[in-house]
C-alpha atoms as a PDB file:
ATOM      1  CA  MET A   1      41.716 111.451 -31.466  1.00  0.00           C
ATOM      2  CA  TRP A   2      38.312 109.833 -32.030  1.00  0.00           C
ATOM      3  CA  ARG A   3      36.780 112.820 -33.821  1.00  0.00           C
ATOM      4  CA  ARG A   4      35.968 115.212 -31.001  1.00  0.00           C
ATOM      5  CA  THR A   5      34.805 112.620 -28.494  1.00  0.00           C
ATOM      6  CA  ARG A   6      38.360 112.172 -27.288  1.00  0.00           C
ATOM      7  CA  GLY A   7      40.188 114.642 -25.082  1.00  0.00           C
ATOM      8  CA  PRO A   8      43.457 116.345 -26.086  1.00  0.00           C
ATOM      9  CA  LEU A   9      45.631 113.464 -24.817  1.00  0.00           C
ATOM     10  CA  ALA A  10      43.941 110.672 -26.740  1.00  0.00           C
ATOM     11  CA  VAL A  11      46.276 110.128 -29.669  1.00  0.00           C
ATOM     12  CA  ALA A  12      49.532 110.799 -27.861  1.00  0.00           C
ATOM     13  CA  LEU A  13      48.648 108.598 -24.917  1.00  0.00           C
ATOM     14  CA  GLY A  14      47.374 105.839 -27.158  1.00  0.00           C
ATOM     15  CA  PHE A  15      50.830 105.708 -28.717  1.00  0.00           C
ATOM     16  CA  LEU A  16      52.517 106.034 -25.341  1.00  0.00           C
ATOM     17  CA  VAL A  17      50.844 103.039 -23.766  1.00  0.00           C
ATOM     18  CA  LEU A  18      51.096 100.851 -26.840  1.00  0.00           C
ATOM     19  CA  VAL A  19      54.839 101.496 -27.054  1.00  0.00           C
ATOM     20  CA  PRO A  20      55.910 101.475 -23.387  1.00  0.00           C
ATOM     21  CA  ALA A  21      58.535 103.332 -22.690  1.00  0.00           C
ATOM     22  CA  GLY A  22      50.528 128.689  -5.701  1.00  0.00           C
ATOM     23  CA  THR A  23      52.461 129.231  -2.836  1.00  0.00           C
ATOM     24  CA  MET A  24      51.172 126.672  -0.434  1.00  0.00           C
ATOM     25  CA  PRO A  25      49.540 127.830   2.787  1.00  0.00           C
ATOM     26  CA  SER A  26      51.185 126.905   6.054  1.00  0.00           C
ATOM     27  CA  ALA A  27      49.837 123.962   8.012  1.00  0.00           C
ATOM     28  CA  GLY A  28      47.053 124.907  10.339  1.00  0.00           C
ATOM     29  CA  ARG A  29      45.640 127.713   8.203  1.00  0.00           C
ATOM     30  CA  ILE A  30      41.834 127.529   8.077  1.00  0.00           C
ATOM     31  CA  TRP A  31      39.623 128.464   5.152  1.00  0.00           C
ATOM     32  CA  ARG A  32      36.507 129.279   7.118  1.00  0.00           C
ATOM     33  CA  ARG A  33      32.911 128.353   6.424  1.00  0.00           C
ATOM     34  CA  GLY A  34      30.870 131.402   5.522  1.00  0.00           C
ATOM     35  CA  PRO A  35      30.514 133.970   2.738  1.00  0.00           C
ATOM     36  CA  VAL A  36      33.315 133.985   0.198  1.00  0.00           C
ATOM     37  CA  VAL A  37      35.423 137.072   0.834  1.00  0.00           C
ATOM     38  CA  THR A  38      38.680 137.279  -1.137  1.00  0.00           C
ATOM     39  CA  ALA A  39      40.363 140.098  -2.985  1.00  0.00           C
ATOM     40  CA  GLN A  40      39.416 138.567  -6.312  1.00  0.00           C
ATOM     41  CA  ALA A  41      36.092 136.917  -5.578  1.00  0.00           C
ATOM     42  CA  SER A  42      34.422 139.499  -3.344  1.00  0.00           C
ATOM     43  CA  GLU A  43      32.175 140.747  -6.136  1.00  0.00           C
ATOM     44  CA  ILE A  44      30.762 137.271  -6.790  1.00  0.00           C
ATOM     45  CA  GLU A  45      27.617 136.204  -4.977  1.00  0.00           C
ATOM     46  CA  PRO A  46      28.366 134.834  -1.479  1.00  0.00           C
ATOM     47  CA  GLU A  47      28.241 131.082  -0.958  1.00  0.00           C
ATOM     48  CA  ASN A  48      28.691 128.861   2.035  1.00  0.00           C
ATOM     49  CA  ILE A  49      31.851 126.833   1.505  1.00  0.00           C
ATOM     50  CA  GLU A  50      33.020 123.905   3.582  1.00  0.00           C
ATOM     51  CA  GLN A  51      35.720 124.578   6.162  1.00  0.00           C
ATOM     52  CA  VAL A  52      38.954 122.898   5.060  1.00  0.00           C
ATOM     53  CA  TRP A  53      42.494 123.336   6.328  1.00  0.00           C
ATOM     54  CA  GLN A  54      45.893 121.847   5.740  1.00  0.00           C
ATOM     55  CA  VAL A  55      46.955 119.296   8.351  1.00  0.00           C
ATOM     56  CA  GLU A  56      50.395 118.224   7.144  1.00  0.00           C
ATOM     57  CA  GLN A  57      52.830 118.828   4.324  1.00  0.00           C
ATOM     58  CA  ASN A  58      56.257 117.558   3.334  1.00  0.00           C
ATOM     59  CA  THR A  59      58.197 116.990   0.144  1.00  0.00           C
ATOM     60  CA  GLU A  60      56.132 113.908  -0.773  1.00  0.00           C
ATOM     61  CA  TYR A  61      52.523 114.793   0.048  1.00  0.00           C
ATOM     62  CA  GLU A  62      50.013 117.083   1.762  1.00  0.00           C
ATOM     63  CA  THR A  63      46.961 116.153   3.827  1.00  0.00           C
ATOM     64  CA  TYR A  64      43.830 118.145   4.621  1.00  0.00           C
ATOM     65  CA  SER A  65      41.089 118.148   7.215  1.00  0.00           C
ATOM     66  CA  ASN A  66      38.475 116.682   4.830  1.00  0.00           C
ATOM     67  CA  GLY A  67      40.580 113.567   4.176  1.00  0.00           C
ATOM     68  CA  LEU A  68      42.267 114.802   1.021  1.00  0.00           C
ATOM     69  CA  ARG A  69      45.831 113.659   0.396  1.00  0.00           C
ATOM     70  CA  ILE A  70      47.797 115.209  -2.476  1.00  0.00           C
ATOM     71  CA  GLU A  71      50.805 113.381  -3.902  1.00  0.00           C
ATOM     72  CA  LYS A  72      53.561 115.813  -4.909  1.00  0.00           C
ATOM     73  CA  ARG A  73      56.227 113.655  -6.556  1.00  0.00           C
ATOM     74  CA  PHE A  74      55.245 114.752 -10.076  1.00  0.00           C
ATOM     75  CA  GLU A  75      54.723 118.437  -9.235  1.00  0.00           C
ATOM     76  CA  ILE A  76      56.184 120.910 -11.710  1.00  0.00           C
ATOM     77  CA  GLY A  77      55.983 124.622 -12.456  1.00  0.00           C
ATOM     78  CA  ASN A  78      54.834 126.386 -15.599  1.00  0.00           C
ATOM     79  CA  GLU A  79      54.099 129.955 -16.671  1.00  0.00           C
ATOM     80  CA  PRO A  80      52.767 131.984 -13.699  1.00  0.00           C
ATOM     81  CA  ARG A  81      49.005 132.420 -13.663  1.00  0.00           C
ATOM     82  CA  ARG A  82      47.908 135.824 -14.941  1.00  0.00           C
ATOM     83  CA  TYR A  83      44.756 136.638 -16.894  1.00  0.00           C
ATOM     84  CA  HIS A  84      41.922 139.095 -17.517  1.00  0.00           C
ATOM     85  CA  VAL A  85      38.232 138.837 -16.739  1.00  0.00           C
ATOM     86  CA  TYR A  86      35.608 140.808 -18.646  1.00  0.00           C
ATOM     87  CA  PRO A  87      32.305 142.359 -17.489  1.00  0.00           C
ATOM     88  CA  ARG A  88      29.596 139.928 -18.526  1.00  0.00           C
ATOM     89  CA  GLY A  89      27.652 141.178 -21.536  1.00  0.00           C
ATOM     90  CA  ALA A  90      30.023 144.096 -22.153  1.00  0.00           C
ATOM     91  CA  GLU A  91      33.214 142.163 -22.678  1.00  0.00           C
ATOM     92  CA  ASP A  92      34.671 144.431 -25.354  1.00  0.00           C
ATOM     93  CA  LEU A  93      33.671 147.782 -23.873  1.00  0.00           C
ATOM     94  CA  GLY A  94      36.430 148.156 -21.308  1.00  0.00           C
ATOM     95  CA  GLY A  95      36.375 147.424 -17.602  1.00  0.00           C
ATOM     96  CA  ARG A  96      38.421 144.244 -17.743  1.00  0.00           C
ATOM     97  CA  GLN A  97      40.362 143.266 -14.627  1.00  0.00           C
ATOM     98  CA  GLU A  98      43.668 141.477 -14.236  1.00  0.00           C
ATOM     99  CA  ARG A  99      43.738 138.558 -11.796  1.00  0.00           C
ATOM    100  CA  ARG A 100      46.171 135.930 -10.583  1.00  0.00           C
ATOM    101  CA  ALA A 101      44.106 133.581  -8.418  1.00  0.00           C
ATOM    102  CA  PRO A 102      42.069 130.802 -10.099  1.00  0.00           C
ATOM    103  CA  ALA A 103      38.401 131.584 -10.661  1.00  0.00           C
ATOM    104  CA  GLY A 104      37.088 128.064 -11.263  1.00  0.00           C
ATOM    105  CA  ILE A 105      37.666 124.382 -11.974  1.00  0.00           C
ATOM    106  CA  VAL A 106      37.394 122.519 -15.291  1.00  0.00           C
ATOM    107  CA  PHE A 107      36.858 118.753 -15.009  1.00  0.00           C
ATOM    108  CA  HIS A 108      38.446 116.538 -17.696  1.00  0.00           C
ATOM    109  CA  THR A 109      38.872 112.896 -18.654  1.00  0.00           C
ATOM    110  CA  THR A 110      42.292 111.670 -19.781  1.00  0.00           C
ATOM    111  CA  GLU A 111      40.955 109.488 -22.630  1.00  0.00           C
ATOM    112  CA  SER A 112      43.969 107.227 -22.105  1.00  0.00           C
ATOM    113  CA  GLN A 113      44.208 103.452 -22.425  1.00  0.00           C
ATOM    114  CA  LEU A 114      42.731 101.564 -19.459  1.00  0.00           C
ATOM    115  CA  ALA A 115      43.071  98.065 -18.078  1.00  0.00           C
ATOM    116  CA  ASP A 116      40.031  96.294 -16.633  1.00  0.00           C
ATOM    117  CA  PHE A 117      39.523  97.427 -13.049  1.00  0.00           C
ATOM    118  CA  ARG A 118      40.139  94.042 -11.410  1.00  0.00           C
ATOM    119  CA  GLU A 119      42.543  92.833  -8.757  1.00  0.00           C
ATOM    120  CA  ASP A 120      44.465  90.649 -11.192  1.00  0.00           C
ATOM    121  CA  GLN A 121      45.068  93.749 -13.361  1.00  0.00           C
ATOM    122  CA  THR A 122      46.580  95.845 -10.541  1.00  0.00           C
ATOM    123  CA  GLY A 123      50.076  95.757 -12.001  1.00  0.00           C
ATOM    124  CA  ARG A 124      48.922  96.859 -15.452  1.00  0.00           C
ATOM    125  CA  ILE A 125      46.697  99.593 -13.958  1.00  0.00           C
ATOM    126  CA  ARG A 126      49.709 100.963 -12.104  1.00  0.00           C
ATOM    127  CA  LEU A 127      51.930 100.724 -15.198  1.00  0.00           C
ATOM    128  CA  LEU A 128      49.467 102.630 -17.373  1.00  0.00           C
ATOM    129  CA  GLY A 129      48.864 105.194 -14.648  1.00  0.00           C
ATOM    130  CA  GLY A 130      52.586 105.818 -14.238  1.00  0.00           C
ATOM    131  CA  ALA A 131      53.051 106.330 -17.982  1.00  0.00           C
ATOM    132  CA  LEU A 132      50.100 108.718 -17.984  1.00  0.00           C
ATOM    133  CA  LEU A 133      51.548 110.784 -15.144  1.00  0.00           C
ATOM    134  CA  GLU A 134      54.877 111.076 -16.938  1.00  0.00           C
ATOM    135  CA  PHE A 135      53.127 112.278 -20.090  1.00  0.00           C
ATOM    136  CA  VAL A 136      50.896 114.762 -18.264  1.00  0.00           C
ATOM    137  CA  ARG A 137      53.909 116.169 -16.448  1.00  0.00           C
ATOM    138  CA  ARG A 138      55.900 116.521 -19.648  1.00  0.00           C
ATOM    139  CA  GLU A 139      53.016 118.299 -21.395  1.00  0.00           C
ATOM    140  CA  ARG A 140      51.986 120.288 -18.278  1.00  0.00           C
ATOM    141  CA  ALA A 141      48.502 119.209 -19.232  1.00  0.00           C
ATOM    142  CA  TYR A 142      46.564 119.461 -15.936  1.00  0.00           C
ATOM    143  CA  HIS A 143      46.963 120.848 -12.464  1.00  0.00           C
ATOM    144  CA  TYR A 144      45.623 117.639 -10.919  1.00  0.00           C
ATOM    145  CA  LEU A 145      45.253 114.047 -12.051  1.00  0.00           C
ATOM    146  CA  ILE A 146      43.129 111.495 -10.165  1.00  0.00           C
ATOM    147  CA  ASP A 147      44.281 107.948 -10.919  1.00  0.00           C
ATOM    148  CA  ARG A 148      42.151 104.783 -11.031  1.00  0.00           C
ATOM    149  CA  PHE A 149      42.704 104.116  -7.312  1.00  0.00           C
ATOM    150  CA  GLY A 150      41.577 107.617  -6.344  1.00  0.00           C
ATOM    151  CA  ARG A 151      45.027 108.999  -5.610  1.00  0.00           C
ATOM    152  CA  VAL A 152      45.262 112.744  -6.216  1.00  0.00           C
ATOM    153  CA  TRP A 153      48.446 113.871  -7.962  1.00  0.00           C
ATOM    154  CA  ARG A 154      49.386 117.515  -8.267  1.00  0.00           C
ATOM    155  CA  VAL A 155      51.151 118.033 -11.584  1.00  0.00           C
ATOM    156  CA  VAL A 156      51.218 121.745 -12.437  1.00  0.00           C
ATOM    157  CA  LYS A 157      51.373 124.049  -9.424  1.00  0.00           C
ATOM    158  CA  GLU A 158      48.164 125.932  -8.657  1.00  0.00           C
ATOM    159  CA  SER A 159      50.034 129.238  -8.953  1.00  0.00           C
ATOM    160  CA  ASP A 160      50.759 128.524 -12.639  1.00  0.00           C
ATOM    161  CA  SER A 161      48.742 127.963 -15.801  1.00  0.00           C
ATOM    162  CA  ALA A 162      48.297 124.489 -17.342  1.00  0.00           C
ATOM    163  CA  ASN A 163      47.582 123.419 -20.917  1.00  0.00           C
ATOM    164  CA  HIS A 164      44.186 121.893 -20.230  1.00  0.00           C
ATOM    165  CA  ALA A 165      41.310 123.910 -21.711  1.00  0.00           C
ATOM    166  CA  GLY A 166      42.460 125.395 -25.026  1.00  0.00           C
ATOM    167  CA  HIS A 167      39.854 127.581 -26.731  1.00  0.00           C
ATOM    168  CA  SER A 168      37.160 127.879 -24.091  1.00  0.00           C
ATOM    169  CA  VAL A 169      34.653 130.311 -22.586  1.00  0.00           C
ATOM    170  CA  TRP A 170      32.614 130.508 -19.412  1.00  0.00           C
ATOM    171  CA  ALA A 171      30.825 133.140 -17.343  1.00  0.00           C
ATOM    172  CA  ASP A 172      29.496 133.545 -13.831  1.00  0.00           C
ATOM    173  CA  ALA A 173      27.000 136.132 -12.618  1.00  0.00           C
ATOM    174  CA  ARG A 174      29.286 139.100 -13.293  1.00  0.00           C
ATOM    175  CA  TRP A 175      32.379 138.077 -15.260  1.00  0.00           C
ATOM    176  CA  SER A 176      33.274 136.303 -18.469  1.00  0.00           C
ATOM    177  CA  TYR A 177      36.377 134.123 -18.875  1.00  0.00           C
ATOM    178  CA  VAL A 178      38.033 133.496 -22.240  1.00  0.00           C
ATOM    179  CA  ASN A 179      40.540 130.660 -22.743  1.00  0.00           C
ATOM    180  CA  LEU A 180      40.597 129.035 -19.326  1.00  0.00           C
ATOM    181  CA  ASN A 181      44.133 127.629 -19.187  1.00  0.00           C
ATOM    182  CA  ARG A 182      45.091 130.575 -17.025  1.00  0.00           C
ATOM    183  CA  SER A 183      41.899 131.361 -15.148  1.00  0.00           C
ATOM    184  CA  PHE A 184      40.656 127.883 -14.149  1.00  0.00           C
ATOM    185  CA  ILE A 185      42.281 124.871 -12.480  1.00  0.00           C
ATOM    186  CA  GLY A 186      42.304 121.716 -14.621  1.00  0.00           C
ATOM    187  CA  VAL A 187      41.361 118.478 -12.812  1.00  0.00           C
ATOM    188  CA  SER A 188      41.423 115.275 -14.852  1.00  0.00           C
ATOM    189  CA  VAL A 189      40.140 111.806 -14.019  1.00  0.00           C
ATOM    190  CA  GLU A 190      42.009 108.816 -15.443  1.00  0.00           C
ATOM    191  CA  THR A 191      39.187 107.320 -17.479  1.00  0.00           C
ATOM    192  CA  ALA A 192      37.971 107.065 -21.067  1.00  0.00           C
ATOM    193  CA  THR A 193      34.742 107.896 -22.832  1.00  0.00           C
ATOM    194  CA  GLN A 194      32.650 104.931 -23.927  1.00  0.00           C
ATOM    195  CA  ALA A 195      32.721 104.777 -27.713  1.00  0.00           C
ATOM    196  CA  GLY A 196      29.423 105.757 -29.289  1.00  0.00           C
ATOM    197  CA  SER A 197      27.792 107.061 -26.116  1.00  0.00           C
ATOM    198  CA  ASP A 198      30.121 109.843 -24.958  1.00  0.00           C
ATOM    199  CA  ARG A 199      29.810 108.666 -21.360  1.00  0.00           C
ATOM    200  CA  ALA A 200      32.746 108.208 -19.051  1.00  0.00           C
ATOM    201  CA  GLU A 201      32.768 106.318 -15.781  1.00  0.00           C
ATOM    202  CA  ALA A 202      34.684 106.990 -12.583  1.00  0.00           C
ATOM    203  CA  THR A 203      35.508 104.555  -9.815  1.00  0.00           C
ATOM    204  CA  ALA A 204      34.048 105.103  -6.353  1.00  0.00           C
ATOM    205  CA  ALA A 205      37.509 106.136  -5.131  1.00  0.00           C
ATOM    206  CA  GLN A 206      37.824 108.693  -7.930  1.00  0.00           C
ATOM    207  CA  ILE A 207      34.437 110.236  -7.116  1.00  0.00           C
ATOM    208  CA  HIS A 208      35.424 110.557  -3.458  1.00  0.00           C
ATOM    209  CA  ALA A 209      38.724 112.155  -4.509  1.00  0.00           C
ATOM    210  CA  LEU A 210      36.891 114.599  -6.783  1.00  0.00           C
ATOM    211  CA  ARG A 211      34.687 115.620  -3.867  1.00  0.00           C
ATOM    212  CA  VAL A 212      37.443 116.304  -1.345  1.00  0.00           C
ATOM    213  CA  LEU A 213      39.760 117.949  -3.901  1.00  0.00           C
ATOM    214  CA  THR A 214      36.959 120.214  -5.134  1.00  0.00           C
ATOM    215  CA  GLY A 215      36.074 121.076  -1.543  1.00  0.00           C
ATOM    216  CA  MET A 216      39.645 122.082  -0.754  1.00  0.00           C
ATOM    217  CA  LEU A 217      40.069 124.181  -3.910  1.00  0.00           C
ATOM    218  CA  ARG A 218      36.767 125.972  -3.414  1.00  0.00           C
ATOM    219  CA  ALA A 219      37.686 126.765   0.175  1.00  0.00           C
ATOM    220  CA  ARG A 220      41.180 127.957  -0.710  1.00  0.00           C
ATOM    221  CA  TYR A 221      40.176 130.287  -3.541  1.00  0.00           C
ATOM    222  CA  GLY A 222      36.533 131.134  -2.876  1.00  0.00           C
ATOM    223  CA  ILE A 223      35.447 129.343  -6.069  1.00  0.00           C
ATOM    224  CA  THR A 224      31.702 129.443  -6.630  1.00  0.00           C
ATOM    225  CA  ALA A 225      29.793 126.283  -7.476  1.00  0.00           C
ATOM    226  CA  ARG A 226      28.784 127.804 -10.818  1.00  0.00           C
ATOM    227  CA  ASN A 227      32.435 127.970 -11.860  1.00  0.00           C
ATOM    228  CA  CYS A 228      32.971 124.216 -11.443  1.00  0.00           C
ATOM    229  CA  VAL A 229      32.209 122.815 -14.905  1.00  0.00           C
ATOM    230  CA  THR A 230      33.260 120.175 -17.407  1.00  0.00           C
ATOM    231  CA  HIS A 231      35.511 120.560 -20.426  1.00  0.00           C
ATOM    232  CA  ALA A 232      32.608 119.844 -22.771  1.00  0.00           C
ATOM    233  CA  GLN A 233      30.669 122.774 -21.302  1.00  0.00           C
ATOM    234  CA  VAL A 234      33.442 125.321 -21.901  1.00  0.00           C
ATOM    235  CA  SER A 235      35.163 124.035 -25.055  1.00  0.00           C
ATOM    236  CA  VAL A 236      34.623 126.000 -28.300  1.00  0.00           C
ATOM    237  CA  ASN A 237      36.028 126.085 -31.823  1.00  0.00           C
ATOM    238  CA  PRO A 238      36.682 129.643 -33.088  1.00  0.00           C
ATOM    239  CA  ALA A 239      37.340 128.372 -36.615  1.00  0.00           C
ATOM    240  CA  ASN A 240      33.657 127.533 -37.189  1.00  0.00           C
ATOM    241  CA  MET A 241      32.123 129.219 -34.103  1.00  0.00           C
ATOM    242  CA  ARG A 242      30.775 125.915 -32.778  1.00  0.00           C
ATOM    243  CA  ALA A 243      30.420 124.937 -29.140  1.00  0.00           C
ATOM    244  CA  GLY A 244      31.487 121.551 -27.800  1.00  0.00           C
ATOM    245  CA  TYR A 245      34.798 121.106 -29.621  1.00  0.00           C
ATOM    246  CA  HIS A 246      35.839 118.573 -26.951  1.00  0.00           C
ATOM    247  CA  TYR A 247      33.285 116.166 -25.517  1.00  0.00           C
ATOM    248  CA  ASP A 248      34.893 114.986 -22.286  1.00  0.00           C
ATOM    249  CA  TRP A 249      32.301 114.866 -19.497  1.00  0.00           C
ATOM    250  CA  ALA A 250      29.547 115.953 -21.907  1.00  0.00           C
ATOM    251  CA  ALA A 251      27.493 113.467 -19.923  1.00  0.00           C
ATOM    252  CA  ASN A 252      27.706 111.539 -16.683  1.00  0.00           C
ATOM    253  CA  PHE A 253      29.787 113.906 -14.578  1.00  0.00           C
ATOM    254  CA  PRO A 254      28.709 113.087 -10.980  1.00  0.00           C
ATOM    255  CA  TYR A 255      27.843 116.626  -9.919  1.00  0.00           C
ATOM    256  CA  PRO A 256      25.708 115.719  -6.850  1.00  0.00           C
ATOM    257  CA  ALA A 257      28.214 113.112  -5.628  1.00  0.00           C
ATOM    258  CA  VAL A 258      30.980 115.713  -5.881  1.00  0.00           C
ATOM    259  CA  GLY A 259      28.947 118.100  -3.736  1.00  0.00           C
ATOM    260  CA  LEU A 260      27.930 120.445  -6.550  1.00  0.00           C
ATOM    261  CA  PRO A 261      24.608 121.438  -8.170  1.00  0.00           C
ATOM    262  CA  ASP A 262      23.822 120.064 -11.608  1.00  0.00           C
ATOM    263  CA  ASN A 263      25.715 122.615 -13.667  1.00  0.00           C
ATOM    264  CA  TYR A 264      24.651 120.944 -16.904  1.00  0.00           C
ATOM    265  CA  ALA A 265      21.474 123.024 -16.430  1.00  0.00           C
ATOM    266  CA  ILE A 266      23.333 126.350 -16.827  1.00  0.00           C
ATOM    267  CA  ALA A 267      22.659 128.153 -20.103  1.00  0.00           C
ATOM    268  CA  ALA A 268      25.817 127.825 -22.200  1.00  0.00           C
ATOM    269  CA  PRO A 269      27.584 131.222 -21.953  1.00  0.00           C
ATOM    270  CA  GLY A 270      29.458 130.682 -25.200  1.00  0.00           C
ATOM    271  CA  MET A 271      26.171 130.850 -27.082  1.00  0.00           C
ATOM    272  CA  SER A 272      24.416 133.692 -25.309  1.00  0.00           C
ATOM    273  CA  LEU A 273      27.486 135.928 -24.890  1.00  0.00           C
ATOM    274  CA  PHE A 274      29.647 135.191 -27.923  1.00  0.00           C
ATOM    275  CA  GLY A 275      27.290 133.764 -30.556  1.00  0.00           C
ATOM    276  CA  PHE A 276      28.632 130.215 -30.751  1.00  0.00           C
ATOM    277  CA  ASN A 277      26.336 127.668 -32.355  1.00  0.00           C
ATOM    278  CA  TYR A 278      26.301 123.857 -32.402  1.00  0.00           C
ATOM    279  CA  ASP A 279      25.823 121.203 -35.051  1.00  0.00           C
ATOM    280  CA  GLN A 280      23.760 118.032 -35.216  1.00  0.00           C
ATOM    281  CA  ALA A 281      26.820 115.867 -34.607  1.00  0.00           C
ATOM    282  CA  LEU A 282      27.170 117.401 -31.164  1.00  0.00           C
ATOM    283  CA  VAL A 283      23.556 116.597 -30.321  1.00  0.00           C
ATOM    284  CA  ASN A 284      23.878 113.053 -31.641  1.00  0.00           C
ATOM    285  CA  VAL A 285      26.774 112.017 -29.430  1.00  0.00           C
ATOM    286  CA  THR A 286      26.134 113.891 -26.197  1.00  0.00           C
ATOM    287  CA  GLY A 287      23.661 113.263 -23.426  1.00  0.00           C
ATOM    288  CA  GLN A 288      20.418 115.029 -22.645  1.00  0.00           C
ATOM    289  CA  PRO A 289      21.859 116.916 -19.642  1.00  0.00           C
ATOM    290  CA  PHE A 290      24.359 118.630 -21.951  1.00  0.00           C
ATOM    291  CA  TRP A 291      21.649 119.536 -24.475  1.00  0.00           C
ATOM    292  CA  LYS A 292      19.815 121.422 -21.728  1.00  0.00           C
ATOM    293  CA  GLY A 293      22.601 123.976 -21.426  1.00  0.00           C
ATOM    294  CA  LEU A 294      22.817 124.364 -25.204  1.00  0.00           C
ATOM    295  CA  LEU A 295      19.066 124.899 -25.566  1.00  0.00           C
ATOM    296  CA  LEU A 296      18.950 127.369 -22.690  1.00  0.00           C
ATOM    297  CA  GLY A 297      21.883 129.276 -24.172  1.00  0.00           C
ATOM    298  CA  GLU A 298      20.162 129.414 -27.542  1.00  0.00           C
ATOM    299  CA  GLU A 299      16.914 130.623 -25.973  1.00  0.00           C
ATOM    300  CA  GLN A 300      18.761 133.355 -24.070  1.00  0.00           C
ATOM    301  CA  LEU A 301      20.387 134.479 -27.314  1.00  0.00           C
ATOM    302  CA  ARG A 302      16.963 134.675 -28.979  1.00  0.00           C
ATOM    303  CA  GLN A 303      15.514 136.725 -26.147  1.00  0.00           C
ATOM    304  CA  ASP A 304      18.458 139.112 -26.198  1.00  0.00           C
ATOM    305  CA  ALA A 305      18.208 139.506 -29.972  1.00  0.00           C
ATOM    306  CA  THR A 306      14.526 140.417 -29.644  1.00  0.00           C
ATOM    307  CA  ALA A 307      15.316 142.931 -26.908  1.00  0.00           C
ATOM    308  CA  GLN A 308      17.895 144.535 -29.229  1.00  0.00           C
ATOM    309  CA  GLY A 309      15.423 144.622 -32.126  1.00  0.00           C
ATOM    310  CA  MET A 310      17.679 142.413 -34.225  1.00  0.00           C
ATOM    311  CA  SER A 311      17.304 139.133 -36.066  1.00  0.00           C
ATOM    312  CA  VAL A 312      18.922 136.130 -34.421  1.00  0.00           C
ATOM    313  CA  SER A 313      21.474 135.761 -37.234  1.00  0.00           C
ATOM    314  CA  ALA A 314      22.466 139.445 -37.133  1.00  0.00           C
ATOM    315  CA  TYR A 315      22.735 139.432 -33.344  1.00  0.00           C
ATOM    316  CA  ARG A 316      24.777 136.229 -33.410  1.00  0.00           C
ATOM    317  CA  GLN A 317      27.197 137.900 -35.827  1.00  0.00           C
ATOM    318  CA  THR A 318      27.506 140.877 -33.488  1.00  0.00           C
ATOM    319  CA  LEU A 319      28.377 138.545 -30.600  1.00  0.00           C
ATOM    320  CA  ALA A 320      30.908 136.666 -32.731  1.00  0.00           C
ATOM    321  CA  GLU A 321      32.633 139.940 -33.574  1.00  0.00           C
ATOM    322  CA  ARG A 322      32.782 140.719 -29.844  1.00  0.00           C
ATOM    323  CA  TYR A 323      34.556 137.411 -29.249  1.00  0.00           C
ATOM    324  CA  ARG A 324      37.056 138.029 -32.021  1.00  0.00           C
ATOM    325  CA  ARG A 325      37.878 141.481 -30.655  1.00  0.00           C
ATOM    326  CA  ILE A 326      38.694 139.935 -27.291  1.00  0.00           C
ATOM    327  CA  LEU A 327      40.956 137.354 -28.920  1.00  0.00           C
END
């Protein structure tokens, strides 16, 4: 792992490539455009979500009305999805709810070895991608992997948890989510962060795949745009109470091209709700869009501390104790 700029697969996949080696809905079901109304999302603010439905499915793949095709040859199960959500701002005071449907999407980068994206490298691109899929399947690391050619592979079934987010926090308008392996779907793009800049690039085919996959998942589960975020935005380190433990997609995630608002501008919930802080190293290696969320989260914490008649340090400690009680 290159400090924290690399994602959780960096070291293992580096070795791997150097030494080669949800109940699905029935076809025809429509997720309709209009306010989100589901048993587990009905209390979240309504949003208009694109109409998407399944067109075809068989043992090898599924297709959808927005052009999405999901390859199923690497699909595997894991522990069934089951988790709790907590009332935002009162997470340790009772009122938690148990849920089984995913509440959001976390976008990742694989941080695996890449060949140059050129025609004469097609064979090597496919070889590396195949090794990556085998590793991800073995580790049950993501629900979906988008390869260099934009093919969408389902790895862990949507009905189950995946080992993608680790220690992580997020919040929407009403609910807080702690450790998102169970509550959010993990979608990873086969790409690597540029050393020294913490920027990752996606091919045009991958961006298109991100858009249609995100559209389908939002339609299926009533996922709000706010709950579609990057690993860098949700990752935390409880050992030192710092935000940004992993840096993947700390910058350069193509939010508008994927059909989402710029969620880098959301105040970081880990700071304002649970007292996480950040260090200078995080600021040095991440992009300005990511700083915006950190600064807004810090400002919200300051305002809340003032409203409580407490110093920032004392209030931060109170929030940290709240987080530890939840854990």
